[in-house]
Amino acid sequence: MELNRRHVWAAILLSCLVFWAILIASVSAVA
């Protein structure tokens, strides 16, 4: 079963964006 690479990259980019958004929000909350 072959996964669609576009969907895989979209999921990776989305998770990275969510991770950075949470990280920046927590840093700005502490600062």
PDB file of N, CA and C in Angstrom:
ATOM      1  N   MET A   1       0.859  -1.196   0.000  1.00  0.00           N
ATOM      2  CA  MET A   1       0.000   0.000   0.000  1.00  0.00           C
ATOM      3  C   MET A   1       0.891   1.241   0.000  1.00  0.00           C
ATOM      4  N   GLU A   2       0.771   2.018  -1.040  1.00  0.00           N
ATOM      5  CA  GLU A   2       1.635   3.199  -1.178  1.00  0.00           C
ATOM      6  C   GLU A   2       0.899   4.458  -0.730  1.00  0.00           C
ATOM      7  N   LEU A   3       1.550   5.190   0.151  1.00  0.00           N
ATOM      8  CA  LEU A   3       0.935   6.433   0.627  1.00  0.00           C
ATOM      9  C   LEU A   3       1.193   7.557  -0.363  1.00  0.00           C
ATOM     10  N   ASN A   4       0.283   8.491  -0.407  1.00  0.00           N
ATOM     11  CA  ASN A   4       0.474   9.648  -1.276  1.00  0.00           C
ATOM     12  C   ASN A   4       1.494  10.575  -0.626  1.00  0.00           C
ATOM     13  N   ARG A   5       2.568  10.856  -1.353  1.00  0.00           N
ATOM     14  CA  ARG A   5       3.636  11.664  -0.735  1.00  0.00           C
ATOM     15  C   ARG A   5       3.149  13.062  -0.406  1.00  0.00           C
ATOM     16  N   ARG A   6       2.249  13.595  -1.206  1.00  0.00           N
ATOM     17  CA  ARG A   6       1.765  14.947  -0.908  1.00  0.00           C
ATOM     18  C   ARG A   6       1.053  14.971   0.439  1.00  0.00           C
ATOM     19  N   HIS A   7       0.274  13.927   0.710  1.00  0.00           N
ATOM     20  CA  HIS A   7      -0.447  13.885   1.990  1.00  0.00           C
ATOM     21  C   HIS A   7       0.536  13.732   3.143  1.00  0.00           C
ATOM     22  N   VAL A   8       1.583  12.944   2.922  1.00  0.00           N
ATOM     23  CA  VAL A   8       2.583  12.752   3.978  1.00  0.00           C
ATOM     24  C   VAL A   8       3.282  14.068   4.283  1.00  0.00           C
ATOM     25  N   TRP A   9       3.721  14.768   3.239  1.00  0.00           N
ATOM     26  CA  TRP A   9       4.414  16.045   3.459  1.00  0.00           C
ATOM     27  C   TRP A   9       3.477  17.081   4.068  1.00  0.00           C
ATOM     28  N   ALA A  10       2.208  17.071   3.658  1.00  0.00           N
ATOM     29  CA  ALA A  10       1.242  18.017   4.231  1.00  0.00           C
ATOM     30  C   ALA A  10       1.066  17.748   5.727  1.00  0.00           C
ATOM     31  N   ALA A  11       1.012  16.479   6.107  1.00  0.00           N
ATOM     32  CA  ALA A  11       0.856  16.135   7.519  1.00  0.00           C
ATOM     33  C   ALA A  11       2.090  16.546   8.315  1.00  0.00           C
ATOM     34  N   ILE A  12       3.277  16.321   7.738  1.00  0.00           N
ATOM     35  CA  ILE A  12       4.518  16.697   8.429  1.00  0.00           C
ATOM     36  C   ILE A  12       4.593  18.209   8.604  1.00  0.00           C
ATOM     37  N   LEU A  13       4.312  18.951   7.539  1.00  0.00           N
ATOM     38  CA  LEU A  13       4.373  20.414   7.629  1.00  0.00           C
ATOM     39  C   LEU A  13       3.339  20.936   8.616  1.00  0.00           C
ATOM     40  N   LEU A  14       2.151  20.350   8.603  1.00  0.00           N
ATOM     41  CA  LEU A  14       1.097  20.804   9.513  1.00  0.00           C
ATOM     42  C   LEU A  14       1.502  20.560  10.962  1.00  0.00           C
ATOM     43  N   SER A  15       2.064  19.390  11.249  1.00  0.00           N
ATOM     44  CA  SER A  15       2.481  19.100  12.626  1.00  0.00           C
ATOM     45  C   SER A  15       3.619  20.019  13.058  1.00  0.00           C
ATOM     46  N   CYS A  16       4.525  20.345  12.116  1.00  0.00           N
ATOM     47  CA  CYS A  16       5.616  21.269  12.445  1.00  0.00           C
ATOM     48  C   CYS A  16       5.058  22.656  12.752  1.00  0.00           C
ATOM     49  N   LEU A  17       4.098  23.105  11.953  1.00  0.00           N
ATOM     50  CA  LEU A  17       3.506  24.423  12.187  1.00  0.00           C
ATOM     51  C   LEU A  17       2.819  24.468  13.546  1.00  0.00           C
ATOM     52  N   VAL A  18       2.088  23.412  13.879  1.00  0.00           N
ATOM     53  CA  VAL A  18       1.403  23.363  15.171  1.00  0.00           C
ATOM     54  C   VAL A  18       2.422  23.380  16.307  1.00  0.00           C
ATOM     55  N   PHE A  19       3.518  22.621  16.132  1.00  0.00           N
ATOM     56  CA  PHE A  19       4.559  22.565  17.160  1.00  0.00           C
ATOM     57  C   PHE A  19       5.168  23.940  17.392  1.00  0.00           C
ATOM     58  N   TRP A  20       5.524  24.641  16.292  1.00  0.00           N
ATOM     59  CA  TRP A  20       6.133  25.968  16.431  1.00  0.00           C
ATOM     60  C   TRP A  20       5.139  26.966  17.009  1.00  0.00           C
ATOM     61  N   ALA A  21       3.861  26.862  16.637  1.00  0.00           N
ATOM     62  CA  ALA A  21       2.849  27.781  17.169  1.00  0.00           C
ATOM     63  C   ALA A  21       2.730  27.621  18.687  1.00  0.00           C
ATOM     64  N   ILE A  22       2.709  26.377  19.158  1.00  0.00           N
ATOM     65  CA  ILE A  22       2.620  26.132  20.603  1.00  0.00           C
ATOM     66  C   ILE A  22       3.890  26.607  21.300  1.00  0.00           C
ATOM     67  N   LEU A  23       5.037  26.351  20.689  1.00  0.00           N
ATOM     68  CA  LEU A  23       6.307  26.755  21.291  1.00  0.00           C
ATOM     69  C   LEU A  23       6.382  28.274  21.425  1.00  0.00           C
ATOM     70  N   ILE A  24       6.038  29.001  20.357  1.00  0.00           N
ATOM     71  CA  ILE A  24       6.091  30.468  20.386  1.00  0.00           C
ATOM     72  C   ILE A  24       5.066  31.013  21.389  1.00  0.00           C
ATOM     73  N   ALA A  25       3.895  30.397  21.445  1.00  0.00           N
ATOM     74  CA  ALA A  25       2.867  30.860  22.377  1.00  0.00           C
ATOM     75  C   ALA A  25       3.325  30.675  23.820  1.00  0.00           C
ATOM     76  N   SER A  26       3.942  29.537  24.119  1.00  0.00           N
ATOM     77  CA  SER A  26       4.401  29.294  25.493  1.00  0.00           C
ATOM     78  C   SER A  26       5.563  30.215  25.846  1.00  0.00           C
ATOM     79  N   VAL A  27       6.461  30.459  24.908  1.00  0.00           N
ATOM     80  CA  VAL A  27       7.602  31.348  25.172  1.00  0.00           C
ATOM     81  C   VAL A  27       7.114  32.775  25.412  1.00  0.00           C
ATOM     82  N   SER A  28       6.187  33.242  24.579  1.00  0.00           N
ATOM     83  CA  SER A  28       5.685  34.607  24.754  1.00  0.00           C
ATOM     84  C   SER A  28       4.851  34.714  26.034  1.00  0.00           C
ATOM     85  N   ALA A  29       4.229  33.626  26.448  1.00  0.00           N
ATOM     86  CA  ALA A  29       3.453  33.645  27.688  1.00  0.00           C
ATOM     87  C   ALA A  29       4.392  33.747  28.890  1.00  0.00           C
ATOM     88  N   VAL A  30       5.512  33.040  28.831  1.00  0.00           N
ATOM     89  CA  VAL A  30       6.488  33.108  29.923  1.00  0.00           C
ATOM     90  C   VAL A  30       7.163  34.475  29.932  1.00  0.00           C
ATOM     91  N   ALA A  31       7.521  34.958  28.749  1.00  0.00           N
ATOM     92  CA  ALA A  31       8.174  36.262  28.650  1.00  0.00           C
ATOM     93  C   ALA A  31       7.114  37.337  28.810  1.00  0.00           C
TER      94      ALA A  31
END
